[in-house]
Amino acid sequence: MPRHTENMRALREILTGLTRETAWPQKNEVSRNIDIAMSHVAWTPAVGAAATDAAARCFEVLQIVSRASSGAEKRAVAIRDGLAAIDELERVLDASA
């Protein structure tokens, strides 16, 4: 099993367990897990692009979920988008491992 798999699992757990109160404080954990996952593979432009995209999309999820004005459907769509970004990052990391 690639060493970055644990970090991808942790990111998925973070996104699927978010509440309005806990969302934004998770930003450091999101960054940490992406950084650690990237440290297990050689850097390539594809890895950098996927990591940047995943971080941006995950931070967007944190912002949307933390807003009181965001409805359940908007939160669910954002979380699905964040999970898709994590899946893509994991695919790129797998290819680089």
PDB file of N, CA and C in Angstrom:
ATOM      1  N   MET A   1       0.851  -1.174   0.000  1.00  0.00           N
ATOM      2  CA  MET A   1       0.000   0.000   0.000  1.00  0.00           C
ATOM      3  C   MET A   1       0.900   1.243   0.000  1.00  0.00           C
ATOM      4  N   PRO A   2       0.656   2.187  -0.904  1.00  0.00           N
ATOM      5  CA  PRO A   2       1.455   3.413  -0.928  1.00  0.00           C
ATOM      6  C   PRO A   2       1.336   4.181   0.390  1.00  0.00           C
ATOM      7  N   ARG A   3       2.410   4.846   0.761  1.00  0.00           N
ATOM      8  CA  ARG A   3       2.438   5.542   2.047  1.00  0.00           C
ATOM      9  C   ARG A   3       1.488   6.730   2.104  1.00  0.00           C
ATOM     10  N   HIS A   4       1.123   7.284   0.963  1.00  0.00           N
ATOM     11  CA  HIS A   4       0.224   8.443   0.959  1.00  0.00           C
ATOM     12  C   HIS A   4      -1.241   8.055   1.163  1.00  0.00           C
ATOM     13  N   THR A   5      -1.541   6.769   1.101  1.00  0.00           N
ATOM     14  CA  THR A   5      -2.926   6.301   1.219  1.00  0.00           C
ATOM     15  C   THR A   5      -3.550   6.711   2.551  1.00  0.00           C
ATOM     16  N   GLU A   6      -2.786   6.655   3.617  1.00  0.00           N
ATOM     17  CA  GLU A   6      -3.298   7.028   4.943  1.00  0.00           C
ATOM     18  C   GLU A   6      -3.702   8.505   4.983  1.00  0.00           C
ATOM     19  N   ASN A   7      -2.917   9.348   4.336  1.00  0.00           N
ATOM     20  CA  ASN A   7      -3.254  10.774   4.307  1.00  0.00           C
ATOM     21  C   ASN A   7      -4.511  11.032   3.486  1.00  0.00           C
ATOM     22  N   MET A   8      -4.697  10.293   2.419  1.00  0.00           N
ATOM     23  CA  MET A   8      -5.908  10.445   1.607  1.00  0.00           C
ATOM     24  C   MET A   8      -7.134   9.993   2.406  1.00  0.00           C
ATOM     25  N   ARG A   9      -6.972   8.919   3.167  1.00  0.00           N
ATOM     26  CA  ARG A   9      -8.061   8.445   4.025  1.00  0.00           C
ATOM     27  C   ARG A   9      -8.407   9.505   5.066  1.00  0.00           C
ATOM     28  N   ALA A  10      -7.380  10.103   5.660  1.00  0.00           N
ATOM     29  CA  ALA A  10      -7.603  11.145   6.671  1.00  0.00           C
ATOM     30  C   ALA A  10      -8.331  12.348   6.068  1.00  0.00           C
ATOM     31  N   LEU A  11      -7.960  12.738   4.859  1.00  0.00           N
ATOM     32  CA  LEU A  11      -8.652  13.855   4.200  1.00  0.00           C
ATOM     33  C   LEU A  11     -10.118  13.530   3.961  1.00  0.00           C
ATOM     34  N   ARG A  12     -10.387  12.309   3.521  1.00  0.00           N
ATOM     35  CA  ARG A  12     -11.783  11.911   3.291  1.00  0.00           C
ATOM     36  C   ARG A  12     -12.579  11.943   4.600  1.00  0.00           C
ATOM     37  N   GLU A  13     -11.967  11.480   5.674  1.00  0.00           N
ATOM     38  CA  GLU A  13     -12.640  11.500   6.977  1.00  0.00           C
ATOM     39  C   GLU A  13     -12.920  12.932   7.431  1.00  0.00           C
ATOM     40  N   ILE A  14     -11.968  13.812   7.200  1.00  0.00           N
ATOM     41  CA  ILE A  14     -12.172  15.213   7.579  1.00  0.00           C
ATOM     42  C   ILE A  14     -13.379  15.774   6.842  1.00  0.00           C
ATOM     43  N   LEU A  15     -13.403  15.609   5.516  1.00  0.00           N
ATOM     44  CA  LEU A  15     -14.493  16.202   4.732  1.00  0.00           C
ATOM     45  C   LEU A  15     -15.844  15.599   5.056  1.00  0.00           C
ATOM     46  N   THR A  16     -15.895  14.309   5.282  1.00  0.00           N
ATOM     47  CA  THR A  16     -17.193  13.677   5.527  1.00  0.00           C
ATOM     48  C   THR A  16     -17.687  13.892   6.951  1.00  0.00           C
ATOM     49  N   GLY A  17     -16.821  14.364   7.847  1.00  0.00           N
ATOM     50  CA  GLY A  17     -17.232  14.582   9.229  1.00  0.00           C
ATOM     51  C   GLY A  17     -17.425  16.041   9.604  1.00  0.00           C
ATOM     52  N   LEU A  18     -17.425  16.924   8.618  1.00  0.00           N
ATOM     53  CA  LEU A  18     -17.510  18.356   8.905  1.00  0.00           C
ATOM     54  C   LEU A  18     -18.879  18.784   9.409  1.00  0.00           C
ATOM     55  N   THR A  19     -18.851  19.732  10.323  1.00  0.00           N
ATOM     56  CA  THR A  19     -20.056  20.452  10.738  1.00  0.00           C
ATOM     57  C   THR A  19     -19.752  21.938  10.574  1.00  0.00           C
ATOM     58  N   ARG A  20     -20.759  22.755  10.699  1.00  0.00           N
ATOM     59  CA  ARG A  20     -20.547  24.193  10.571  1.00  0.00           C
ATOM     60  C   ARG A  20     -19.507  24.692  11.576  1.00  0.00           C
ATOM     61  N   GLU A  21     -19.531  24.151  12.762  1.00  0.00           N
ATOM     62  CA  GLU A  21     -18.621  24.601  13.816  1.00  0.00           C
ATOM     63  C   GLU A  21     -17.204  24.066  13.641  1.00  0.00           C
ATOM     64  N   THR A  22     -17.058  22.886  13.067  1.00  0.00           N
ATOM     65  CA  THR A  22     -15.733  22.267  12.980  1.00  0.00           C
ATOM     66  C   THR A  22     -15.047  22.473  11.642  1.00  0.00           C
ATOM     67  N   ALA A  23     -15.743  22.999  10.650  1.00  0.00           N
ATOM     68  CA  ALA A  23     -15.193  23.040   9.293  1.00  0.00           C
ATOM     69  C   ALA A  23     -13.926  23.887   9.185  1.00  0.00           C
ATOM     70  N   TRP A  24     -14.028  25.167   9.452  1.00  0.00           N
ATOM     71  CA  TRP A  24     -12.884  26.041   9.188  1.00  0.00           C
ATOM     72  C   TRP A  24     -11.653  25.695  10.025  1.00  0.00           C
ATOM     73  N   PRO A  25     -11.780  25.279  11.288  1.00  0.00           N
ATOM     74  CA  PRO A  25     -10.590  24.899  12.050  1.00  0.00           C
ATOM     75  C   PRO A  25      -9.821  23.706  11.458  1.00  0.00           C
ATOM     76  N   GLN A  26     -10.421  22.987  10.535  1.00  0.00           N
ATOM     77  CA  GLN A  26      -9.746  21.832   9.933  1.00  0.00           C
ATOM     78  C   GLN A  26      -8.756  22.216   8.834  1.00  0.00           C
ATOM     79  N   LYS A  27      -8.635  23.501   8.512  1.00  0.00           N
ATOM     80  CA  LYS A  27      -7.779  23.912   7.397  1.00  0.00           C
ATOM     81  C   LYS A  27      -6.331  23.474   7.582  1.00  0.00           C
ATOM     82  N   ASN A  28      -5.822  23.534   8.795  1.00  0.00           N
ATOM     83  CA  ASN A  28      -4.439  23.116   9.021  1.00  0.00           C
ATOM     84  C   ASN A  28      -4.262  21.619   8.818  1.00  0.00           C
ATOM     85  N   GLU A  29      -5.253  20.838   9.217  1.00  0.00           N
ATOM     86  CA  GLU A  29      -5.179  19.386   9.014  1.00  0.00           C
ATOM     87  C   GLU A  29      -5.254  19.028   7.533  1.00  0.00           C
ATOM     88  N   VAL A  30      -6.062  19.757   6.785  1.00  0.00           N
ATOM     89  CA  VAL A  30      -6.131  19.524   5.338  1.00  0.00           C
ATOM     90  C   VAL A  30      -4.762  19.791   4.726  1.00  0.00           C
ATOM     91  N   SER A  31      -4.177  20.927   5.033  1.00  0.00           N
ATOM     92  CA  SER A  31      -2.855  21.273   4.496  1.00  0.00           C
ATOM     93  C   SER A  31      -1.803  20.259   4.905  1.00  0.00           C
ATOM     94  N   ARG A  32      -1.822  19.881   6.164  1.00  0.00           N
ATOM     95  CA  ARG A  32      -0.826  18.939   6.676  1.00  0.00           C
ATOM     96  C   ARG A  32      -0.905  17.607   5.945  1.00  0.00           C
ATOM     97  N   ASN A  33      -2.112  17.088   5.772  1.00  0.00           N
ATOM     98  CA  ASN A  33      -2.255  15.792   5.114  1.00  0.00           C
ATOM     99  C   ASN A  33      -1.852  15.841   3.646  1.00  0.00           C
ATOM    100  N   ILE A  34      -2.149  16.928   2.967  1.00  0.00           N
ATOM    101  CA  ILE A  34      -1.716  17.053   1.572  1.00  0.00           C
ATOM    102  C   ILE A  34      -0.196  17.150   1.504  1.00  0.00           C
ATOM    103  N   ASP A  35       0.410  17.949   2.375  1.00  0.00           N
ATOM    104  CA  ASP A  35       1.870  18.087   2.389  1.00  0.00           C
ATOM    105  C   ASP A  35       2.561  16.757   2.672  1.00  0.00           C
ATOM    106  N   ILE A  36       2.067  16.031   3.650  1.00  0.00           N
ATOM    107  CA  ILE A  36       2.680  14.746   3.993  1.00  0.00           C
ATOM    108  C   ILE A  36       2.514  13.757   2.846  1.00  0.00           C
ATOM    109  N   ALA A  37       1.337  13.710   2.253  1.00  0.00           N
ATOM    110  CA  ALA A  37       1.108  12.795   1.128  1.00  0.00           C
ATOM    111  C   ALA A  37       2.074  13.096  -0.011  1.00  0.00           C
ATOM    112  N   MET A  38       2.278  14.373  -0.301  1.00  0.00           N
ATOM    113  CA  MET A  38       3.199  14.750  -1.379  1.00  0.00           C
ATOM    114  C   MET A  38       4.637  14.386  -1.057  1.00  0.00           C
ATOM    115  N   SER A  39       4.988  14.353   0.215  1.00  0.00           N
ATOM    116  CA  SER A  39       6.371  14.048   0.587  1.00  0.00           C
ATOM    117  C   SER A  39       6.742  12.596   0.310  1.00  0.00           C
ATOM    118  N   HIS A  40       5.757  11.752   0.055  1.00  0.00           N
ATOM    119  CA  HIS A  40       6.015  10.335  -0.191  1.00  0.00           C
ATOM    120  C   HIS A  40       6.284  10.021  -1.660  1.00  0.00           C
ATOM    121  N   VAL A  41       6.181  11.000  -2.526  1.00  0.00           N
ATOM    122  CA  VAL A  41       6.424  10.782  -3.956  1.00  0.00           C
ATOM    123  C   VAL A  41       7.353  11.867  -4.481  1.00  0.00           C
ATOM    124  N   ALA A  42       7.918  11.615  -5.647  1.00  0.00           N
ATOM    125  CA  ALA A  42       8.739  12.630  -6.298  1.00  0.00           C
ATOM    126  C   ALA A  42       7.824  13.714  -6.857  1.00  0.00           C
ATOM    127  N   TRP A  43       8.261  14.962  -6.717  1.00  0.00           N
ATOM    128  CA  TRP A  43       7.452  16.060  -7.231  1.00  0.00           C
ATOM    129  C   TRP A  43       7.499  16.067  -8.746  1.00  0.00           C
ATOM    130  N   THR A  44       6.351  16.246  -9.354  1.00  0.00           N
ATOM    131  CA  THR A  44       6.228  16.456 -10.795  1.00  0.00           C
ATOM    132  C   THR A  44       5.216  17.581 -10.988  1.00  0.00           C
ATOM    133  N   PRO A  45       5.180  18.169 -12.160  1.00  0.00           N
ATOM    134  CA  PRO A  45       4.151  19.187 -12.391  1.00  0.00           C
ATOM    135  C   PRO A  45       2.736  18.646 -12.171  1.00  0.00           C
ATOM    136  N   ALA A  46       2.502  17.387 -12.527  1.00  0.00           N
ATOM    137  CA  ALA A  46       1.169  16.794 -12.327  1.00  0.00           C
ATOM    138  C   ALA A  46       0.844  16.676 -10.843  1.00  0.00           C
ATOM    139  N   VAL A  47       1.824  16.274 -10.038  1.00  0.00           N
ATOM    140  CA  VAL A  47       1.616  16.171  -8.588  1.00  0.00           C
ATOM    141  C   VAL A  47       1.331  17.558  -8.011  1.00  0.00           C
ATOM    142  N   GLY A  48       2.118  18.538  -8.406  1.00  0.00           N
ATOM    143  CA  GLY A  48       1.909  19.897  -7.914  1.00  0.00           C
ATOM    144  C   GLY A  48       0.545  20.449  -8.287  1.00  0.00           C
ATOM    145  N   ALA A  49       0.142  20.209  -9.530  1.00  0.00           N
ATOM    146  CA  ALA A  49      -1.164  20.705  -9.985  1.00  0.00           C
ATOM    147  C   ALA A  49      -2.302  20.016  -9.243  1.00  0.00           C
ATOM    148  N   ALA A  50      -2.209  18.702  -9.079  1.00  0.00           N
ATOM    149  CA  ALA A  50      -3.270  17.960  -8.383  1.00  0.00           C
ATOM    150  C   ALA A  50      -3.347  18.367  -6.917  1.00  0.00           C
ATOM    151  N   ALA A  51      -2.197  18.577  -6.282  1.00  0.00           N
ATOM    152  CA  ALA A  51      -2.187  18.980  -4.874  1.00  0.00           C
ATOM    153  C   ALA A  51      -2.761  20.385  -4.705  1.00  0.00           C
ATOM    154  N   THR A  52      -2.400  21.284  -5.598  1.00  0.00           N
ATOM    155  CA  THR A  52      -2.932  22.648  -5.543  1.00  0.00           C
ATOM    156  C   THR A  52      -4.439  22.644  -5.738  1.00  0.00           C
ATOM    157  N   ASP A  53      -4.904  21.875  -6.714  1.00  0.00           N
ATOM    158  CA  ASP A  53      -6.338  21.787  -6.977  1.00  0.00           C
ATOM    159  C   ASP A  53      -7.074  21.182  -5.785  1.00  0.00           C
ATOM    160  N   ALA A  54      -6.526  20.098  -5.233  1.00  0.00           N
ATOM    161  CA  ALA A  54      -7.177  19.451  -4.092  1.00  0.00           C
ATOM    162  C   ALA A  54      -7.247  20.399  -2.898  1.00  0.00           C
ATOM    163  N   ALA A  55      -6.156  21.100  -2.626  1.00  0.00           N
ATOM    164  CA  ALA A  55      -6.154  22.035  -1.500  1.00  0.00           C
ATOM    165  C   ALA A  55      -7.191  23.133  -1.705  1.00  0.00           C
ATOM    166  N   ALA A  56      -7.221  23.707  -2.894  1.00  0.00           N
ATOM    167  CA  ALA A  56      -8.180  24.786  -3.167  1.00  0.00           C
ATOM    168  C   ALA A  56      -9.615  24.295  -3.035  1.00  0.00           C
ATOM    169  N   ARG A  57      -9.897  23.129  -3.583  1.00  0.00           N
ATOM    170  CA  ARG A  57     -11.261  22.612  -3.529  1.00  0.00           C
ATOM    171  C   ARG A  57     -11.646  22.200  -2.111  1.00  0.00           C
ATOM    172  N   CYS A  58     -10.692  21.659  -1.351  1.00  0.00           N
ATOM    173  CA  CYS A  58     -10.988  21.304   0.041  1.00  0.00           C
ATOM    174  C   CYS A  58     -11.222  22.556   0.882  1.00  0.00           C
ATOM    175  N   PHE A  59     -10.426  23.606   0.667  1.00  0.00           N
ATOM    176  CA  PHE A  59     -10.644  24.850   1.403  1.00  0.00           C
ATOM    177  C   PHE A  59     -11.991  25.457   1.047  1.00  0.00           C
ATOM    178  N   GLU A  60     -12.395  25.329  -0.207  1.00  0.00           N
ATOM    179  CA  GLU A  60     -13.719  25.813  -0.595  1.00  0.00           C
ATOM    180  C   GLU A  60     -14.805  25.052   0.160  1.00  0.00           C
ATOM    181  N   VAL A  61     -14.610  23.745   0.320  1.00  0.00           N
ATOM    182  CA  VAL A  61     -15.563  22.942   1.102  1.00  0.00           C
ATOM    183  C   VAL A  61     -15.633  23.477   2.526  1.00  0.00           C
ATOM    184  N   LEU A  62     -14.480  23.721   3.129  1.00  0.00           N
ATOM    185  CA  LEU A  62     -14.456  24.225   4.504  1.00  0.00           C
ATOM    186  C   LEU A  62     -15.210  25.545   4.617  1.00  0.00           C
ATOM    187  N   GLN A  63     -15.020  26.426   3.658  1.00  0.00           N
ATOM    188  CA  GLN A  63     -15.715  27.716   3.682  1.00  0.00           C
ATOM    189  C   GLN A  63     -17.223  27.537   3.539  1.00  0.00           C
ATOM    190  N   ILE A  64     -17.634  26.713   2.592  1.00  0.00           N
ATOM    191  CA  ILE A  64     -19.070  26.519   2.356  1.00  0.00           C
ATOM    192  C   ILE A  64     -19.740  25.883   3.560  1.00  0.00           C
ATOM    193  N   VAL A  65     -19.134  24.840   4.097  1.00  0.00           N
ATOM    194  CA  VAL A  65     -19.745  24.138   5.230  1.00  0.00           C
ATOM    195  C   VAL A  65     -19.793  25.033   6.462  1.00  0.00           C
ATOM    196  N   SER A  66     -18.817  25.904   6.637  1.00  0.00           N
ATOM    197  CA  SER A  66     -18.787  26.751   7.836  1.00  0.00           C
ATOM    198  C   SER A  66     -19.779  27.913   7.778  1.00  0.00           C
ATOM    199  N   ARG A  67     -20.309  28.216   6.612  1.00  0.00           N
ATOM    200  CA  ARG A  67     -21.265  29.327   6.475  1.00  0.00           C
ATOM    201  C   ARG A  67     -22.646  28.932   6.974  1.00  0.00           C
ATOM    202  N   ALA A  68     -23.218  29.764   7.798  1.00  0.00           N
ATOM    203  CA  ALA A  68     -24.572  29.506   8.296  1.00  0.00           C
ATOM    204  C   ALA A  68     -25.589  29.555   7.169  1.00  0.00           C
ATOM    205  N   SER A  69     -25.302  30.314   6.129  1.00  0.00           N
ATOM    206  CA  SER A  69     -26.258  30.477   5.031  1.00  0.00           C
ATOM    207  C   SER A  69     -26.241  29.324   4.027  1.00  0.00           C
ATOM    208  N   SER A  70     -25.279  28.419   4.141  1.00  0.00           N
ATOM    209  CA  SER A  70     -25.203  27.295   3.202  1.00  0.00           C
ATOM    210  C   SER A  70     -26.221  26.230   3.568  1.00  0.00           C
ATOM    211  N   GLY A  71     -27.042  25.871   2.613  1.00  0.00           N
ATOM    212  CA  GLY A  71     -28.029  24.822   2.834  1.00  0.00           C
ATOM    213  C   GLY A  71     -27.405  23.442   2.741  1.00  0.00           C
ATOM    214  N   ALA A  72     -28.165  22.447   3.149  1.00  0.00           N
ATOM    215  CA  ALA A  72     -27.674  21.068   3.166  1.00  0.00           C
ATOM    216  C   ALA A  72     -27.248  20.604   1.779  1.00  0.00           C
ATOM    217  N   GLU A  73     -28.013  20.963   0.763  1.00  0.00           N
ATOM    218  CA  GLU A  73     -27.665  20.521  -0.591  1.00  0.00           C
ATOM    219  C   GLU A  73     -26.360  21.156  -1.064  1.00  0.00           C
ATOM    220  N   LYS A  74     -26.181  22.422  -0.786  1.00  0.00           N
ATOM    221  CA  LYS A  74     -24.946  23.107  -1.183  1.00  0.00           C
ATOM    222  C   LYS A  74     -23.746  22.500  -0.463  1.00  0.00           C
ATOM    223  N   ARG A  75     -23.918  22.180   0.816  1.00  0.00           N
ATOM    224  CA  ARG A  75     -22.835  21.541   1.568  1.00  0.00           C
ATOM    225  C   ARG A  75     -22.514  20.173   0.985  1.00  0.00           C
ATOM    226  N   ALA A  76     -23.539  19.396   0.657  1.00  0.00           N
ATOM    227  CA  ALA A  76     -23.332  18.051   0.108  1.00  0.00           C
ATOM    228  C   ALA A  76     -22.615  18.107  -1.238  1.00  0.00           C
ATOM    229  N   VAL A  77     -22.998  19.045  -2.080  1.00  0.00           N
ATOM    230  CA  VAL A  77     -22.343  19.193  -3.388  1.00  0.00           C
ATOM    231  C   VAL A  77     -20.879  19.579  -3.198  1.00  0.00           C
ATOM    232  N   ALA A  78     -20.609  20.488  -2.292  1.00  0.00           N
ATOM    233  CA  ALA A  78     -19.235  20.914  -2.031  1.00  0.00           C
ATOM    234  C   ALA A  78     -18.397  19.753  -1.516  1.00  0.00           C
ATOM    235  N   ILE A  79     -18.947  18.972  -0.611  1.00  0.00           N
ATOM    236  CA  ILE A  79     -18.209  17.824  -0.070  1.00  0.00           C
ATOM    237  C   ILE A  79     -17.923  16.816  -1.175  1.00  0.00           C
ATOM    238  N   ARG A  80     -18.897  16.546  -2.031  1.00  0.00           N
ATOM    239  CA  ARG A  80     -18.655  15.620  -3.159  1.00  0.00           C
ATOM    240  C   ARG A  80     -17.540  16.138  -4.060  1.00  0.00           C
ATOM    241  N   ASP A  81     -17.530  17.433  -4.309  1.00  0.00           N
ATOM    242  CA  ASP A  81     -16.485  18.027  -5.135  1.00  0.00           C
ATOM    243  C   ASP A  81     -15.117  17.886  -4.466  1.00  0.00           C
ATOM    244  N   GLY A  82     -15.061  18.121  -3.179  1.00  0.00           N
ATOM    245  CA  GLY A  82     -13.809  17.954  -2.447  1.00  0.00           C
ATOM    246  C   GLY A  82     -13.322  16.519  -2.465  1.00  0.00           C
ATOM    247  N   LEU A  83     -14.242  15.583  -2.306  1.00  0.00           N
ATOM    248  CA  LEU A  83     -13.868  14.165  -2.353  1.00  0.00           C
ATOM    249  C   LEU A  83     -13.366  13.783  -3.738  1.00  0.00           C
ATOM    250  N   ALA A  84     -13.955  14.349  -4.777  1.00  0.00           N
ATOM    251  CA  ALA A  84     -13.486  14.083  -6.142  1.00  0.00           C
ATOM    252  C   ALA A  84     -12.062  14.609  -6.328  1.00  0.00           C
ATOM    253  N   ALA A  85     -11.762  15.760  -5.750  1.00  0.00           N
ATOM    254  CA  ALA A  85     -10.409  16.314  -5.831  1.00  0.00           C
ATOM    255  C   ALA A  85      -9.411  15.423  -5.101  1.00  0.00           C
ATOM    256  N   ILE A  86      -9.821  14.886  -3.969  1.00  0.00           N
ATOM    257  CA  ILE A  86      -8.952  13.972  -3.226  1.00  0.00           C
ATOM    258  C   ILE A  86      -8.721  12.701  -4.036  1.00  0.00           C
ATOM    259  N   ASP A  87      -9.763  12.182  -4.665  1.00  0.00           N
ATOM    260  CA  ASP A  87      -9.615  10.994  -5.514  1.00  0.00           C
ATOM    261  C   ASP A  87      -8.623  11.250  -6.644  1.00  0.00           C
ATOM    262  N   GLU A  88      -8.725  12.416  -7.270  1.00  0.00           N
ATOM    263  CA  GLU A  88      -7.810  12.757  -8.363  1.00  0.00           C
ATOM    264  C   GLU A  88      -6.382  12.895  -7.848  1.00  0.00           C
ATOM    265  N   LEU A  89      -6.207  13.534  -6.706  1.00  0.00           N
ATOM    266  CA  LEU A  89      -4.874  13.654  -6.122  1.00  0.00           C
ATOM    267  C   LEU A  89      -4.308  12.277  -5.824  1.00  0.00           C
ATOM    268  N   GLU A  90      -5.107  11.405  -5.266  1.00  0.00           N
ATOM    269  CA  GLU A  90      -4.617  10.061  -4.961  1.00  0.00           C
ATOM    270  C   GLU A  90      -4.234   9.317  -6.240  1.00  0.00           C
ATOM    271  N   ARG A  91      -5.006   9.488  -7.294  1.00  0.00           N
ATOM    272  CA  ARG A  91      -4.688   8.837  -8.563  1.00  0.00           C
ATOM    273  C   ARG A  91      -3.324   9.319  -9.079  1.00  0.00           C
ATOM    274  N   VAL A  92      -3.088  10.620  -9.009  1.00  0.00           N
ATOM    275  CA  VAL A  92      -1.814  11.180  -9.466  1.00  0.00           C
ATOM    276  C   VAL A  92      -0.670  10.709  -8.568  1.00  0.00           C
ATOM    277  N   LEU A  93      -0.897  10.688  -7.267  1.00  0.00           N
ATOM    278  CA  LEU A  93       0.140  10.209  -6.348  1.00  0.00           C
ATOM    279  C   LEU A  93       0.444   8.734  -6.586  1.00  0.00           C
ATOM    280  N   ASP A  94      -0.592   7.934  -6.822  1.00  0.00           N
ATOM    281  CA  ASP A  94      -0.384   6.512  -7.130  1.00  0.00           C
ATOM    282  C   ASP A  94       0.481   6.351  -8.376  1.00  0.00           C
ATOM    283  N   ALA A  95       0.214   7.153  -9.381  1.00  0.00           N
ATOM    284  CA  ALA A  95       0.973   7.067 -10.630  1.00  0.00           C
ATOM    285  C   ALA A  95       2.423   7.508 -10.442  1.00  0.00           C
ATOM    286  N   SER A  96       2.671   8.353  -9.448  1.00  0.00           N
ATOM    287  CA  SER A  96       4.021   8.866  -9.206  1.00  0.00           C
ATOM    288  C   SER A  96       4.804   8.045  -8.195  1.00  0.00           C
ATOM    289  N   ALA A  97       4.120   7.147  -7.506  1.00  0.00           N
ATOM    290  CA  ALA A  97       4.788   6.367  -6.441  1.00  0.00           C
ATOM    291  C   ALA A  97       5.721   5.313  -7.019  1.00  0.00           C
TER     292      ALA A  97
END
